[in-house]
Amino acid sequence: SDGKTITITFFNGDVKQIMPDQTVIYYYADAKTTHTTYTDGLEV
């Protein structure tokens, strides 16, 4: 409802979340791995 929080759930089970601060959290379902990219460039 804030127009800034976006969640995309892909057909293969992957999930991409874009947070209000533009942090991107991507979950790879097959690998059970989460990849977070922060606005300052840090990737976890």
PDB file of all heavy atoms in Angstrom:
ATOM      1  N   SER A   1       0.815  -1.207   0.000  1.00  0.00           N
ATOM      2  CA  SER A   1       0.000   0.000   0.000  1.00  0.00           C
ATOM      3  C   SER A   1       0.855   1.268   0.000  1.00  0.00           C
ATOM      4  O   SER A   1       0.396   2.323  -0.417  1.00  0.00           O
ATOM      5  CB  SER A   1      -0.958  -0.004   1.188  1.00  0.00           C
ATOM      6  OG  SER A   1      -0.227  -0.167   2.388  1.00  0.00           O
ATOM      7  N   ASP A   2       2.129   1.153   0.455  1.00  0.00           N
ATOM      8  CA  ASP A   2       3.028   2.311   0.430  1.00  0.00           C
ATOM      9  C   ASP A   2       3.569   2.576  -0.979  1.00  0.00           C
ATOM     10  O   ASP A   2       4.175   3.605  -1.240  1.00  0.00           O
ATOM     11  CB  ASP A   2       4.189   2.127   1.411  1.00  0.00           C
ATOM     12  CG  ASP A   2       5.069   0.909   1.092  1.00  0.00           C
ATOM     13  OD1 ASP A   2       4.840   0.220   0.065  1.00  0.00           O
ATOM     14  OD2 ASP A   2       5.995   0.640   1.888  1.00  0.00           O
ATOM     15  N   GLY A   3       3.351   1.622  -1.904  1.00  0.00           N
ATOM     16  CA  GLY A   3       3.833   1.763  -3.275  1.00  0.00           C
ATOM     17  C   GLY A   3       5.324   1.513  -3.417  1.00  0.00           C
ATOM     18  O   GLY A   3       5.862   1.547  -4.507  1.00  0.00           O
ATOM     19  N   LYS A   4       6.017   1.267  -2.300  1.00  0.00           N
ATOM     20  CA  LYS A   4       7.472   1.108  -2.312  1.00  0.00           C
ATOM     21  C   LYS A   4       7.915  -0.312  -1.996  1.00  0.00           C
ATOM     22  O   LYS A   4       9.012  -0.705  -2.357  1.00  0.00           O
ATOM     23  CB  LYS A   4       8.116   2.062  -1.307  1.00  0.00           C
ATOM     24  CG  LYS A   4       7.910   3.522  -1.650  1.00  0.00           C
ATOM     25  CD  LYS A   4       8.522   4.403  -0.582  1.00  0.00           C
ATOM     26  CE  LYS A   4       8.330   5.871  -0.913  1.00  0.00           C
ATOM     27  NZ  LYS A   4       8.846   6.738   0.135  1.00  0.00           N
ATOM     28  N   THR A   5       7.107  -1.052  -1.286  1.00  0.00           N
ATOM     29  CA  THR A   5       7.447  -2.426  -0.930  1.00  0.00           C
ATOM     30  C   THR A   5       6.874  -3.342  -2.004  1.00  0.00           C
ATOM     31  O   THR A   5       5.662  -3.383  -2.201  1.00  0.00           O
ATOM     32  CB  THR A   5       6.869  -2.807   0.453  1.00  0.00           C
ATOM     33  OG1 THR A   5       7.302  -1.830   1.410  1.00  0.00           O
ATOM     34  CG2 THR A   5       7.331  -4.183   0.882  1.00  0.00           C
ATOM     35  N   ILE A   6       7.772  -4.041  -2.706  1.00  0.00           N
ATOM     36  CA  ILE A   6       7.350  -4.892  -3.814  1.00  0.00           C
ATOM     37  C   ILE A   6       7.863  -6.308  -3.573  1.00  0.00           C
ATOM     38  O   ILE A   6       9.031  -6.499  -3.239  1.00  0.00           O
ATOM     39  CB  ILE A   6       7.887  -4.356  -5.158  1.00  0.00           C
ATOM     40  CG1 ILE A   6       7.359  -2.935  -5.399  1.00  0.00           C
ATOM     41  CG2 ILE A   6       7.528  -5.295  -6.307  1.00  0.00           C
ATOM     42  CD1 ILE A   6       8.037  -2.216  -6.546  1.00  0.00           C
ATOM     43  N   THR A   7       6.982  -7.280  -3.733  1.00  0.00           N
ATOM     44  CA  THR A   7       7.376  -8.686  -3.627  1.00  0.00           C
ATOM     45  C   THR A   7       6.943  -9.388  -4.903  1.00  0.00           C
ATOM     46  O   THR A   7       5.784  -9.305  -5.297  1.00  0.00           O
ATOM     47  CB  THR A   7       6.701  -9.367  -2.413  1.00  0.00           C
ATOM     48  OG1 THR A   7       7.041  -8.636  -1.232  1.00  0.00           O
ATOM     49  CG2 THR A   7       7.156 -10.812  -2.265  1.00  0.00           C
ATOM     50  N   ILE A   8       7.915 -10.048  -5.539  1.00  0.00           N
ATOM     51  CA  ILE A   8       7.615 -10.828  -6.742  1.00  0.00           C
ATOM     52  C   ILE A   8       7.896 -12.286  -6.413  1.00  0.00           C
ATOM     53  O   ILE A   8       9.004 -12.634  -6.013  1.00  0.00           O
ATOM     54  CB  ILE A   8       8.478 -10.380  -7.937  1.00  0.00           C
ATOM     55  CG1 ILE A   8       8.277  -8.880  -8.207  1.00  0.00           C
ATOM     56  CG2 ILE A   8       8.147 -11.211  -9.182  1.00  0.00           C
ATOM     57  CD1 ILE A   8       9.302  -8.275  -9.132  1.00  0.00           C
ATOM     58  N   THR A   9       6.887 -13.120  -6.562  1.00  0.00           N
ATOM     59  CA  THR A   9       7.048 -14.557  -6.350  1.00  0.00           C
ATOM     60  C   THR A   9       7.010 -15.209  -7.724  1.00  0.00           C
ATOM     61  O   THR A   9       5.998 -15.150  -8.414  1.00  0.00           O
ATOM     62  CB  THR A   9       5.929 -15.112  -5.444  1.00  0.00           C
ATOM     63  OG1 THR A   9       5.946 -14.371  -4.213  1.00  0.00           O
ATOM     64  CG2 THR A   9       6.139 -16.588  -5.151  1.00  0.00           C
ATOM     65  N   PHE A  10       8.156 -15.786  -8.105  1.00  0.00           N
ATOM     66  CA  PHE A  10       8.282 -16.359  -9.436  1.00  0.00           C
ATOM     67  C   PHE A  10       7.709 -17.770  -9.482  1.00  0.00           C
ATOM     68  O   PHE A  10       7.599 -18.453  -8.457  1.00  0.00           O
ATOM     69  CB  PHE A  10       9.753 -16.361  -9.868  1.00  0.00           C
ATOM     70  CG  PHE A  10      10.312 -14.979 -10.035  1.00  0.00           C
ATOM     71  CD1 PHE A  10      10.976 -14.360  -8.979  1.00  0.00           C
ATOM     72  CD2 PHE A  10      10.157 -14.284 -11.214  1.00  0.00           C
ATOM     73  CE1 PHE A  10      11.488 -13.077  -9.112  1.00  0.00           C
ATOM     74  CE2 PHE A  10      10.664 -12.996 -11.369  1.00  0.00           C
ATOM     75  CZ  PHE A  10      11.329 -12.393 -10.311  1.00  0.00           C
ATOM     76  N   PHE A  11       7.391 -18.216 -10.688  1.00  0.00           N
ATOM     77  CA  PHE A  11       6.792 -19.535 -10.896  1.00  0.00           C
ATOM     78  C   PHE A  11       7.686 -20.661 -10.387  1.00  0.00           C
ATOM     79  O   PHE A  11       7.215 -21.722 -10.029  1.00  0.00           O
ATOM     80  CB  PHE A  11       6.455 -19.752 -12.377  1.00  0.00           C
ATOM     81  CG  PHE A  11       7.656 -19.765 -13.276  1.00  0.00           C
ATOM     82  CD1 PHE A  11       8.308 -20.950 -13.565  1.00  0.00           C
ATOM     83  CD2 PHE A  11       8.135 -18.583 -13.825  1.00  0.00           C
ATOM     84  CE1 PHE A  11       9.430 -20.963 -14.384  1.00  0.00           C
ATOM     85  CE2 PHE A  11       9.251 -18.587 -14.647  1.00  0.00           C
ATOM     86  CZ  PHE A  11       9.907 -19.778 -14.925  1.00  0.00           C
ATOM     87  N   ASN A  12       9.024 -20.432 -10.329  1.00  0.00           N
ATOM     88  CA  ASN A  12       9.947 -21.481  -9.871  1.00  0.00           C
ATOM     89  C   ASN A  12      10.161 -21.463  -8.359  1.00  0.00           C
ATOM     90  O   ASN A  12      10.969 -22.216  -7.835  1.00  0.00           O
ATOM     91  CB  ASN A  12      11.293 -21.353 -10.588  1.00  0.00           C
ATOM     92  CG  ASN A  12      12.022 -20.056 -10.254  1.00  0.00           C
ATOM     93  OD1 ASN A  12      11.512 -19.203  -9.527  1.00  0.00           O
ATOM     94  ND2 ASN A  12      13.215 -19.909 -10.789  1.00  0.00           N
ATOM     95  N   GLY A  13       9.460 -20.573  -7.649  1.00  0.00           N
ATOM     96  CA  GLY A  13       9.581 -20.502  -6.190  1.00  0.00           C
ATOM     97  C   GLY A  13      10.513 -19.411  -5.705  1.00  0.00           C
ATOM     98  O   GLY A  13      10.548 -19.102  -4.514  1.00  0.00           O
ATOM     99  N   ASP A  14      11.302 -18.816  -6.609  1.00  0.00           N
ATOM    100  CA  ASP A  14      12.168 -17.710  -6.208  1.00  0.00           C
ATOM    101  C   ASP A  14      11.300 -16.535  -5.757  1.00  0.00           C
ATOM    102  O   ASP A  14      10.187 -16.360  -6.257  1.00  0.00           O
ATOM    103  CB  ASP A  14      13.047 -17.237  -7.373  1.00  0.00           C
ATOM    104  CG  ASP A  14      14.159 -18.218  -7.730  1.00  0.00           C
ATOM    105  OD1 ASP A  14      14.224 -19.305  -7.121  1.00  0.00           O
ATOM    106  OD2 ASP A  14      14.962 -17.889  -8.628  1.00  0.00           O
ATOM    107  N   VAL A  15      11.832 -15.735  -4.820  1.00  0.00           N
ATOM    108  CA  VAL A  15      11.097 -14.564  -4.332  1.00  0.00           C
ATOM    109  C   VAL A  15      12.045 -13.362  -4.315  1.00  0.00           C
ATOM    110  O   VAL A  15      13.143 -13.437  -3.766  1.00  0.00           O
ATOM    111  CB  VAL A  15      10.541 -14.797  -2.904  1.00  0.00           C
ATOM    112  CG1 VAL A  15       9.818 -13.551  -2.394  1.00  0.00           C
ATOM    113  CG2 VAL A  15       9.623 -16.001  -2.863  1.00  0.00           C
ATOM    114  N   LYS A  16      11.598 -12.269  -4.923  1.00  0.00           N
ATOM    115  CA  LYS A  16      12.367 -11.023  -4.924  1.00  0.00           C
ATOM    116  C   LYS A  16      11.564  -9.977  -4.170  1.00  0.00           C
ATOM    117  O   LYS A  16      10.404  -9.743  -4.487  1.00  0.00           O
ATOM    118  CB  LYS A  16      12.614 -10.564  -6.362  1.00  0.00           C
ATOM    119  CG  LYS A  16      13.389  -9.264  -6.465  1.00  0.00           C
ATOM    120  CD  LYS A  16      13.616  -8.890  -7.930  1.00  0.00           C
ATOM    121  CE  LYS A  16      14.434  -7.628  -8.065  1.00  0.00           C
ATOM    122  NZ  LYS A  16      14.675  -7.301  -9.487  1.00  0.00           N
ATOM    123  N   GLN A  17      12.211  -9.372  -3.165  1.00  0.00           N
ATOM    124  CA  GLN A  17      11.560  -8.307  -2.397  1.00  0.00           C
ATOM    125  C   GLN A  17      12.357  -7.024  -2.591  1.00  0.00           C
ATOM    126  O   GLN A  17      13.585  -7.038  -2.497  1.00  0.00           O
ATOM    127  CB  GLN A  17      11.533  -8.649  -0.912  1.00  0.00           C
ATOM    128  CG  GLN A  17      10.620  -9.789  -0.552  1.00  0.00           C
ATOM    129  CD  GLN A  17      10.671 -10.057   0.938  1.00  0.00           C
ATOM    130  OE1 GLN A  17      11.649 -10.595   1.435  1.00  0.00           O
ATOM    131  NE2 GLN A  17       9.628  -9.660   1.642  1.00  0.00           N
ATOM    132  N   ILE A  18      11.658  -5.952  -2.847  1.00  0.00           N
ATOM    133  CA  ILE A  18      12.282  -4.637  -2.911  1.00  0.00           C
ATOM    134  C   ILE A  18      11.680  -3.839  -1.757  1.00  0.00           C
ATOM    135  O   ILE A  18      10.471  -3.664  -1.677  1.00  0.00           O
ATOM    136  CB  ILE A  18      12.031  -3.945  -4.269  1.00  0.00           C
ATOM    137  CG1 ILE A  18      12.561  -4.839  -5.398  1.00  0.00           C
ATOM    138  CG2 ILE A  18      12.686  -2.561  -4.297  1.00  0.00           C
ATOM    139  CD1 ILE A  18      12.137  -4.404  -6.780  1.00  0.00           C
ATOM    140  N   MET A  19      12.534  -3.420  -0.851  1.00  0.00           N
ATOM    141  CA  MET A  19      12.089  -2.727   0.347  1.00  0.00           C
ATOM    142  C   MET A  19      11.976  -1.219   0.084  1.00  0.00           C
ATOM    143  O   MET A  19      12.523  -0.725  -0.900  1.00  0.00           O
ATOM    144  CB  MET A  19      13.081  -2.996   1.492  1.00  0.00           C
ATOM    145  CG  MET A  19      13.367  -4.484   1.727  1.00  0.00           C
ATOM    146  SD  MET A  19      11.903  -5.511   1.883  1.00  0.00           S
ATOM    147  CE  MET A  19      11.479  -5.177   3.563  1.00  0.00           C
ATOM    148  N   PRO A  20      11.286  -0.486   0.960  1.00  0.00           N
ATOM    149  CA  PRO A  20      11.125   0.964   0.767  1.00  0.00           C
ATOM    150  C   PRO A  20      12.458   1.704   0.588  1.00  0.00           C
ATOM    151  O   PRO A  20      12.528   2.671  -0.143  1.00  0.00           O
ATOM    152  CB  PRO A  20      10.412   1.418   2.035  1.00  0.00           C
ATOM    153  CG  PRO A  20       9.658   0.205   2.481  1.00  0.00           C
ATOM    154  CD  PRO A  20      10.550  -0.961   2.125  1.00  0.00           C
ATOM    155  N   ASP A  21      13.537   1.227   1.250  1.00  0.00           N
ATOM    156  CA  ASP A  21      14.843   1.889   1.119  1.00  0.00           C
ATOM    157  C   ASP A  21      15.625   1.397  -0.103  1.00  0.00           C
ATOM    158  O   ASP A  21      16.796   1.700  -0.252  1.00  0.00           O
ATOM    159  CB  ASP A  21      15.675   1.710   2.393  1.00  0.00           C
ATOM    160  CG  ASP A  21      16.113   0.264   2.608  1.00  0.00           C
ATOM    161  OD1 ASP A  21      15.721  -0.641   1.822  1.00  0.00           O
ATOM    162  OD2 ASP A  21      16.873   0.021   3.571  1.00  0.00           O
ATOM    163  N   GLN A  22      14.976   0.601  -0.964  1.00  0.00           N
ATOM    164  CA  GLN A  22      15.549   0.043  -2.197  1.00  0.00           C
ATOM    165  C   GLN A  22      16.505  -1.131  -1.956  1.00  0.00           C
ATOM    166  O   GLN A  22      17.194  -1.563  -2.877  1.00  0.00           O
ATOM    167  CB  GLN A  22      16.232   1.123  -3.054  1.00  0.00           C
ATOM    168  CG  GLN A  22      15.248   2.172  -3.574  1.00  0.00           C
ATOM    169  CD  GLN A  22      14.107   1.546  -4.387  1.00  0.00           C
ATOM    170  OE1 GLN A  22      14.330   0.914  -5.379  1.00  0.00           O
ATOM    171  NE2 GLN A  22      12.880   1.720  -3.917  1.00  0.00           N
ATOM    172  N   THR A  23      16.565  -1.642  -0.721  1.00  0.00           N
ATOM    173  CA  THR A  23      17.292  -2.885  -0.466  1.00  0.00           C
ATOM    174  C   THR A  23      16.558  -3.987  -1.222  1.00  0.00           C
ATOM    175  O   THR A  23      15.333  -4.042  -1.202  1.00  0.00           O
ATOM    176  CB  THR A  23      17.315  -3.195   1.051  1.00  0.00           C
ATOM    177  OG1 THR A  23      18.061  -2.172   1.716  1.00  0.00           O
ATOM    178  CG2 THR A  23      17.946  -4.549   1.336  1.00  0.00           C
ATOM    179  N   VAL A  24      17.335  -4.853  -1.893  1.00  0.00           N
ATOM    180  CA  VAL A  24      16.740  -5.948  -2.653  1.00  0.00           C
ATOM    181  C   VAL A  24      17.111  -7.275  -2.000  1.00  0.00           C
ATOM    182  O   VAL A  24      18.290  -7.548  -1.763  1.00  0.00           O
ATOM    183  CB  VAL A  24      17.214  -5.936  -4.127  1.00  0.00           C
ATOM    184  CG1 VAL A  24      16.649  -7.123  -4.895  1.00  0.00           C
ATOM    185  CG2 VAL A  24      16.822  -4.627  -4.808  1.00  0.00           C
ATOM    186  N   ILE A  25      16.096  -8.067  -1.672  1.00  0.00           N
ATOM    187  CA  ILE A  25      16.314  -9.387  -1.076  1.00  0.00           C
ATOM    188  C   ILE A  25      15.797 -10.414  -2.084  1.00  0.00           C
ATOM    189  O   ILE A  25      14.618 -10.395  -2.435  1.00  0.00           O
ATOM    190  CB  ILE A  25      15.559  -9.534   0.261  1.00  0.00           C
ATOM    191  CG1 ILE A  25      15.980  -8.428   1.234  1.00  0.00           C
ATOM    192  CG2 ILE A  25      15.798 -10.919   0.867  1.00  0.00           C
ATOM    193  CD1 ILE A  25      15.065  -8.279   2.433  1.00  0.00           C
ATOM    194  N   TYR A  26      16.707 -11.279  -2.542  1.00  0.00           N
ATOM    195  CA  TYR A  26      16.321 -12.286  -3.532  1.00  0.00           C
ATOM    196  C   TYR A  26      16.559 -13.662  -2.927  1.00  0.00           C
ATOM    197  O   TYR A  26      17.667 -13.970  -2.492  1.00  0.00           O
ATOM    198  CB  TYR A  26      17.128 -12.132  -4.822  1.00  0.00           C
ATOM    199  CG  TYR A  26      16.515 -12.874  -5.995  1.00  0.00           C
ATOM    200  CD1 TYR A  26      15.820 -12.191  -6.987  1.00  0.00           C
ATOM    201  CD2 TYR A  26      16.600 -14.261  -6.106  1.00  0.00           C
ATOM    202  CE1 TYR A  26      15.234 -12.858  -8.058  1.00  0.00           C
ATOM    203  CE2 TYR A  26      16.022 -14.935  -7.165  1.00  0.00           C
ATOM    204  CZ  TYR A  26      15.343 -14.238  -8.145  1.00  0.00           C
ATOM    205  OH  TYR A  26      14.773 -14.902  -9.193  1.00  0.00           O
ATOM    206  N   TYR A  27      15.508 -14.469  -2.897  1.00  0.00           N
ATOM    207  CA  TYR A  27      15.613 -15.835  -2.370  1.00  0.00           C
ATOM    208  C   TYR A  27      15.570 -16.810  -3.535  1.00  0.00           C
ATOM    209  O   TYR A  27      14.619 -16.820  -4.312  1.00  0.00           O
ATOM    210  CB  TYR A  27      14.468 -16.126  -1.394  1.00  0.00           C
ATOM    211  CG  TYR A  27      14.463 -17.552  -0.902  1.00  0.00           C
ATOM    212  CD1 TYR A  27      15.400 -17.987   0.030  1.00  0.00           C
ATOM    213  CD2 TYR A  27      13.536 -18.475  -1.378  1.00  0.00           C
ATOM    214  CE1 TYR A  27      15.412 -19.300   0.477  1.00  0.00           C
ATOM    215  CE2 TYR A  27      13.538 -19.790  -0.931  1.00  0.00           C
ATOM    216  CZ  TYR A  27      14.482 -20.195  -0.010  1.00  0.00           C
ATOM    217  OH  TYR A  27      14.501 -21.497   0.418  1.00  0.00           O
ATOM    218  N   TYR A  28      16.632 -17.604  -3.676  1.00  0.00           N
ATOM    219  CA  TYR A  28      16.696 -18.641  -4.703  1.00  0.00           C
ATOM    220  C   TYR A  28      16.160 -19.932  -4.089  1.00  0.00           C
ATOM    221  O   TYR A  28      16.780 -20.517  -3.199  1.00  0.00           O
ATOM    222  CB  TYR A  28      18.141 -18.860  -5.165  1.00  0.00           C
ATOM    223  CG  TYR A  28      18.745 -17.645  -5.836  1.00  0.00           C
ATOM    224  CD1 TYR A  28      19.439 -16.685  -5.099  1.00  0.00           C
ATOM    225  CD2 TYR A  28      18.613 -17.453  -7.205  1.00  0.00           C
ATOM    226  CE1 TYR A  28      19.991 -15.572  -5.716  1.00  0.00           C
ATOM    227  CE2 TYR A  28      19.161 -16.339  -7.831  1.00  0.00           C
ATOM    228  CZ  TYR A  28      19.849 -15.407  -7.074  1.00  0.00           C
ATOM    229  OH  TYR A  28      20.396 -14.304  -7.692  1.00  0.00           O
ATOM    230  N   ALA A  29      14.994 -20.355  -4.542  1.00  0.00           N
ATOM    231  CA  ALA A  29      14.310 -21.505  -3.940  1.00  0.00           C
ATOM    232  C   ALA A  29      15.096 -22.799  -4.095  1.00  0.00           C
ATOM    233  O   ALA A  29      15.269 -23.539  -3.119  1.00  0.00           O
ATOM    234  CB  ALA A  29      12.916 -21.658  -4.535  1.00  0.00           C
ATOM    235  N   ASP A  30      15.574 -23.089  -5.308  1.00  0.00           N
ATOM    236  CA  ASP A  30      16.288 -24.352  -5.527  1.00  0.00           C
ATOM    237  C   ASP A  30      17.537 -24.459  -4.655  1.00  0.00           C
ATOM    238  O   ASP A  30      17.802 -25.499  -4.069  1.00  0.00           O
ATOM    239  CB  ASP A  30      16.688 -24.515  -7.001  1.00  0.00           C
ATOM    240  CG  ASP A  30      15.521 -24.981  -7.861  1.00  0.00           C
ATOM    241  OD1 ASP A  30      14.477 -25.372  -7.298  1.00  0.00           O
ATOM    242  OD2 ASP A  30      15.661 -24.949  -9.106  1.00  0.00           O
ATOM    243  N   ALA A  31      18.315 -23.391  -4.582  1.00  0.00           N
ATOM    244  CA  ALA A  31      19.565 -23.394  -3.815  1.00  0.00           C
ATOM    245  C   ALA A  31      19.346 -23.070  -2.333  1.00  0.00           C
ATOM    246  O   ALA A  31      20.276 -23.181  -1.532  1.00  0.00           O
ATOM    247  CB  ALA A  31      20.542 -22.394  -4.417  1.00  0.00           C
ATOM    248  N   LYS A  32      18.119 -22.663  -1.976  1.00  0.00           N
ATOM    249  CA  LYS A  32      17.810 -22.231  -0.602  1.00  0.00           C
ATOM    250  C   LYS A  32      18.824 -21.191  -0.128  1.00  0.00           C
ATOM    251  O   LYS A  32      19.393 -21.277   0.947  1.00  0.00           O
ATOM    252  CB  LYS A  32      17.776 -23.440   0.346  1.00  0.00           C
ATOM    253  CG  LYS A  32      16.659 -24.414   0.031  1.00  0.00           C
ATOM    254  CD  LYS A  32      16.650 -25.563   1.027  1.00  0.00           C
ATOM    255  CE  LYS A  32      15.523 -26.522   0.802  1.00  0.00           C
ATOM    256  NZ  LYS A  32      15.587 -27.287  -0.426  1.00  0.00           N
ATOM    257  N   THR A  33      19.047 -20.205  -0.992  1.00  0.00           N
ATOM    258  CA  THR A  33      20.035 -19.160  -0.743  1.00  0.00           C
ATOM    259  C   THR A  33      19.361 -17.792  -0.826  1.00  0.00           C
ATOM    260  O   THR A  33      18.546 -17.560  -1.705  1.00  0.00           O
ATOM    261  CB  THR A  33      21.166 -19.239  -1.799  1.00  0.00           C
ATOM    262  OG1 THR A  33      21.791 -20.513  -1.689  1.00  0.00           O
ATOM    263  CG2 THR A  33      22.194 -18.158  -1.608  1.00  0.00           C
ATOM    264  N   THR A  34      19.710 -16.898   0.101  1.00  0.00           N
ATOM    265  CA  THR A  34      19.196 -15.539   0.090  1.00  0.00           C
ATOM    266  C   THR A  34      20.324 -14.581  -0.263  1.00  0.00           C
ATOM    267  O   THR A  34      21.408 -14.646   0.324  1.00  0.00           O
ATOM    268  CB  THR A  34      18.604 -15.163   1.472  1.00  0.00           C
ATOM    269  OG1 THR A  34      17.576 -16.099   1.791  1.00  0.00           O
ATOM    270  CG2 THR A  34      18.020 -13.768   1.466  1.00  0.00           C
ATOM    271  N   HIS A  35      20.067 -13.694  -1.230  1.00  0.00           N
ATOM    272  CA  HIS A  35      21.044 -12.704  -1.683  1.00  0.00           C
ATOM    273  C   HIS A  35      20.440 -11.321  -1.428  1.00  0.00           C
ATOM    274  O   HIS A  35      19.452 -10.957  -2.055  1.00  0.00           O
ATOM    275  CB  HIS A  35      21.304 -12.928  -3.176  1.00  0.00           C
ATOM    276  CG  HIS A  35      22.330 -12.012  -3.759  1.00  0.00           C
ATOM    277  ND1 HIS A  35      22.704 -12.072  -5.070  1.00  0.00           N
ATOM    278  CD2 HIS A  35      23.056 -10.996  -3.229  1.00  0.00           C
ATOM    279  CE1 HIS A  35      23.611 -11.149  -5.321  1.00  0.00           C
ATOM    280  NE2 HIS A  35      23.831 -10.475  -4.208  1.00  0.00           N
ATOM    281  N   THR A  36      21.028 -10.588  -0.491  1.00  0.00           N
ATOM    282  CA  THR A  36      20.536  -9.252  -0.145  1.00  0.00           C
ATOM    283  C   THR A  36      21.512  -8.209  -0.685  1.00  0.00           C
ATOM    284  O   THR A  36      22.711  -8.303  -0.429  1.00  0.00           O
ATOM    285  CB  THR A  36      20.387  -9.096   1.382  1.00  0.00           C
ATOM    286  OG1 THR A  36      19.558 -10.153   1.871  1.00  0.00           O
ATOM    287  CG2 THR A  36      19.778  -7.756   1.753  1.00  0.00           C
ATOM    288  N   THR A  37      20.990  -7.240  -1.418  1.00  0.00           N
ATOM    289  CA  THR A  37      21.812  -6.146  -1.946  1.00  0.00           C
ATOM    290  C   THR A  37      21.324  -4.851  -1.302  1.00  0.00           C
ATOM    291  O   THR A  37      20.171  -4.476  -1.455  1.00  0.00           O
ATOM    292  CB  THR A  37      21.690  -6.056  -3.479  1.00  0.00           C
ATOM    293  OG1 THR A  37      22.021  -7.327  -4.039  1.00  0.00           O
ATOM    294  CG2 THR A  37      22.631  -5.002  -4.034  1.00  0.00           C
ATOM    295  N   TYR A  38      22.231  -4.204  -0.557  1.00  0.00           N
ATOM    296  CA  TYR A  38      21.894  -2.953   0.123  1.00  0.00           C
ATOM    297  C   TYR A  38      22.217  -1.769  -0.789  1.00  0.00           C
ATOM    298  O   TYR A  38      23.021  -1.872  -1.713  1.00  0.00           O
ATOM    299  CB  TYR A  38      22.666  -2.855   1.443  1.00  0.00           C
ATOM    300  CG  TYR A  38      22.253  -3.922   2.426  1.00  0.00           C
ATOM    301  CD1 TYR A  38      22.928  -5.137   2.477  1.00  0.00           C
ATOM    302  CD2 TYR A  38      21.171  -3.740   3.274  1.00  0.00           C
ATOM    303  CE1 TYR A  38      22.544  -6.141   3.359  1.00  0.00           C
ATOM    304  CE2 TYR A  38      20.774  -4.726   4.168  1.00  0.00           C
ATOM    305  CZ  TYR A  38      21.465  -5.927   4.204  1.00  0.00           C
ATOM    306  OH  TYR A  38      21.077  -6.914   5.069  1.00  0.00           O
ATOM    307  N   THR A  39      21.611  -0.637  -0.505  1.00  0.00           N
ATOM    308  CA  THR A  39      21.782   0.544  -1.349  1.00  0.00           C
ATOM    309  C   THR A  39      23.220   1.065  -1.342  1.00  0.00           C
ATOM    310  O   THR A  39      23.636   1.716  -2.285  1.00  0.00           O
ATOM    311  CB  THR A  39      20.819   1.668  -0.921  1.00  0.00           C
ATOM    312  OG1 THR A  39      20.975   1.915   0.468  1.00  0.00           O
ATOM    313  CG2 THR A  39      19.388   1.287  -1.212  1.00  0.00           C
ATOM    314  N   ASP A  40      23.987   0.762  -0.288  1.00  0.00           N
ATOM    315  CA  ASP A  40      25.382   1.208  -0.250  1.00  0.00           C
ATOM    316  C   ASP A  40      26.306   0.283  -1.042  1.00  0.00           C
ATOM    317  O   ASP A  40      27.511   0.490  -1.093  1.00  0.00           O
ATOM    318  CB  ASP A  40      25.873   1.340   1.197  1.00  0.00           C
ATOM    319  CG  ASP A  40      25.912   0.020   1.942  1.00  0.00           C
ATOM    320  OD1 ASP A  40      25.596  -1.043   1.359  1.00  0.00           O
ATOM    321  OD2 ASP A  40      26.275   0.038   3.145  1.00  0.00           O
ATOM    322  N   GLY A  41      25.740  -0.779  -1.655  1.00  0.00           N
ATOM    323  CA  GLY A  41      26.531  -1.689  -2.479  1.00  0.00           C
ATOM    324  C   GLY A  41      26.925  -2.982  -1.788  1.00  0.00           C
ATOM    325  O   GLY A  41      27.426  -3.904  -2.431  1.00  0.00           O
ATOM    326  N   LEU A  42      26.732  -3.073  -0.476  1.00  0.00           N
ATOM    327  CA  LEU A  42      27.035  -4.312   0.243  1.00  0.00           C
ATOM    328  C   LEU A  42      26.088  -5.408  -0.218  1.00  0.00           C
ATOM    329  O   LEU A  42      24.885  -5.185  -0.347  1.00  0.00           O
ATOM    330  CB  LEU A  42      26.880  -4.104   1.755  1.00  0.00           C
ATOM    331  CG  LEU A  42      26.982  -5.362   2.627  1.00  0.00           C
ATOM    332  CD1 LEU A  42      28.393  -5.953   2.577  1.00  0.00           C
ATOM    333  CD2 LEU A  42      26.603  -5.045   4.071  1.00  0.00           C
ATOM    334  N   GLU A  43      26.656  -6.589  -0.497  1.00  0.00           N
ATOM    335  CA  GLU A  43      25.842  -7.750  -0.857  1.00  0.00           C
ATOM    336  C   GLU A  43      26.103  -8.842   0.172  1.00  0.00           C
ATOM    337  O   GLU A  43      27.246  -9.120   0.506  1.00  0.00           O
ATOM    338  CB  GLU A  43      26.205  -8.262  -2.252  1.00  0.00           C
ATOM    339  CG  GLU A  43      25.857  -7.285  -3.356  1.00  0.00           C
ATOM    340  CD  GLU A  43      26.153  -7.851  -4.734  1.00  0.00           C
ATOM    341  OE1 GLU A  43      25.786  -9.014  -4.995  1.00  0.00           O
ATOM    342  OE2 GLU A  43      26.764  -7.129  -5.527  1.00  0.00           O
ATOM    343  N   VAL A  44      25.025  -9.476   0.663  1.00  0.00           N
ATOM    344  CA  VAL A  44      25.138 -10.544   1.649  1.00  0.00           C
ATOM    345  C   VAL A  44      24.430 -11.774   1.098  1.00  0.00           C
ATOM    346  O   VAL A  44      23.271 -11.706   0.712  1.00  0.00           O
ATOM    347  CB  VAL A  44      24.527 -10.128   3.009  1.00  0.00           C
ATOM    348  CG1 VAL A  44      24.622 -11.265   4.010  1.00  0.00           C
ATOM    349  CG2 VAL A  44      25.215  -8.875   3.557  1.00  0.00           C
TER     350      VAL A  44
END
